[in-house]
Every structure is written in C-alpha cells, then in structure tokens.
Amino acid sequence: MTLSGVTVLVTWTKSTANGPNPYVWIPAWSTPQRSTGSDSFTRASLATGDLFDIEFFKAAPNSGYTVTITGTTSGGQQVSRAFPGILP
C-alpha cells in the first residue's frame, strides 16, 4: 500500500515548564528543524516498508511526544495512526 499526501505531526510536552524546547527533524525527508511543540512535516508519498527516523535535539529527559501519521490510500481513504512515547 502507498499513502499519498502524507503528513507527520510531532506533538510534544516538555517534562518541566522551564525545560528546553526540543528541535524535531526527519533527516530522510530533508526537512528543516522545527521547535514549536506541534511540528508538521509533509511528503508526497510513503510506501509499505518505508522507514524514517524522527530526531529530537535539546529535549529535556522524560518529555512526552506523540507522532501522528496521516495520508490517503490508493483507494482514496484518509487514514491516520498515532504513536505516543517518552524521550529517555
């Protein structure tokens, strides 16, 4: 399956109010680093088996995040999947 019009939204929550804002980057996508707390990255398509890393820089330990991937299938169906986590 291939997804077109792919958006990856990285939403994070700092572990402390005074902690640093992490910078988010997806290297394989040649995207600029972002650091707003709700960082959106787009790509024309993703195919089954495509892999990519999401890198966090300057993040406070124990900061929570959610990565949500959204796209449209070849059959025209809009799909979305969220992956929550905590930075070590």
Protein backbone atom coordinates (compact mmCIF):
# COMPACT_ATOMS: atom_id res chain seq x y z
CA MET A 1 0.00 0.00 0.00
CA THR A 2 1.15 3.55 -0.69
CA LEU A 3 -0.02 6.64 1.13
CA SER A 4 -0.10 9.94 -0.71
CA GLY A 5 -0.23 13.44 0.73
CA VAL A 6 1.48 12.22 3.89
CA THR A 7 1.68 14.43 6.97
CA VAL A 8 3.68 13.56 10.08
CA LEU A 9 2.68 15.65 13.07
CA VAL A 10 5.01 15.55 16.09
CA THR A 11 3.41 16.97 19.23
CA TRP A 12 5.48 17.08 22.40
CA THR A 13 5.14 18.13 26.01
CA LYS A 14 8.16 19.30 27.98
CA SER A 15 8.91 17.39 31.19
CA THR A 16 9.25 20.68 33.11
CA ALA A 17 7.92 24.16 32.47
CA ASN A 18 11.47 25.53 32.26
CA GLY A 19 12.91 22.69 30.18
CA PRO A 20 14.35 23.37 26.73
CA ASN A 21 12.19 23.17 23.64
CA PRO A 22 13.30 20.14 21.65
CA TYR A 23 14.16 20.53 17.99
CA VAL A 24 12.48 17.96 15.74
CA TRP A 25 13.89 16.78 12.42
CA ILE A 26 13.20 13.97 9.92
CA PRO A 27 16.59 13.58 8.16
CA ALA A 28 15.49 11.35 5.25
CA TRP A 29 12.86 13.93 4.33
CA SER A 30 15.37 16.80 4.06
CA THR A 31 13.11 18.87 6.27
CA PRO A 32 14.21 21.85 8.33
CA GLN A 33 14.39 21.51 12.10
CA ARG A 34 11.32 22.77 13.92
CA SER A 35 10.66 23.60 17.56
CA THR A 36 7.13 24.82 18.13
CA GLY A 37 5.58 21.99 20.15
CA SER A 38 3.35 20.91 17.30
CA ASP A 39 5.64 20.34 14.32
CA SER A 40 4.22 19.21 10.97
CA PHE A 41 6.22 17.58 8.18
CA THR A 42 4.88 16.58 4.76
CA ARG A 43 5.91 14.23 2.00
CA ALA A 44 4.30 13.34 -1.33
CA SER A 45 4.07 9.61 -0.54
CA LEU A 46 5.15 6.68 1.63
CA ALA A 47 5.12 3.04 0.52
CA THR A 48 4.80 -0.12 2.60
CA GLY A 49 8.15 -0.82 4.22
CA ASP A 50 9.44 2.76 4.00
CA LEU A 51 11.38 3.65 7.14
CA PHE A 52 12.36 7.02 8.57
CA ASP A 53 13.79 8.39 11.80
CA ILE A 54 12.45 11.30 13.77
CA GLU A 55 15.23 13.00 15.71
CA PHE A 56 14.83 15.17 18.80
CA PHE A 57 17.60 17.59 19.82
CA LYS A 58 17.98 19.53 23.08
CA ALA A 59 14.98 17.79 24.63
CA ALA A 60 14.59 17.54 28.39
CA PRO A 61 14.57 13.94 29.69
CA ASN A 62 11.11 12.44 30.16
CA SER A 63 9.45 14.80 27.66
CA GLY A 64 6.37 13.16 26.18
CA TYR A 65 5.55 13.12 22.49
CA THR A 66 3.01 11.79 20.02
CA VAL A 67 3.77 11.13 16.35
CA THR A 68 0.66 11.07 14.16
CA ILE A 69 0.96 9.90 10.55
CA THR A 70 -1.89 10.81 8.18
CA GLY A 71 -2.31 10.13 4.48
CA THR A 72 -4.60 8.95 1.71
CA THR A 73 -4.60 5.36 0.43
CA SER A 74 -4.59 4.49 -3.27
CA GLY A 75 -8.32 3.77 -2.83
CA GLY A 76 -8.94 7.34 -1.65
CA GLN A 77 -9.45 6.58 2.05
CA GLN A 78 -7.99 9.02 4.59
CA VAL A 79 -6.10 7.10 7.30
CA SER A 80 -4.29 8.15 10.46
CA ARG A 81 -2.26 6.42 13.18
CA ALA A 82 -0.78 7.86 16.38
CA PHE A 83 2.32 6.64 18.24
CA PRO A 84 2.88 8.07 21.76
CA GLY A 85 6.18 7.90 23.61
CA ILE A 86 8.50 9.41 26.20
CA LEU A 87 12.05 10.58 25.50
CA PRO A 88 14.66 8.89 27.70
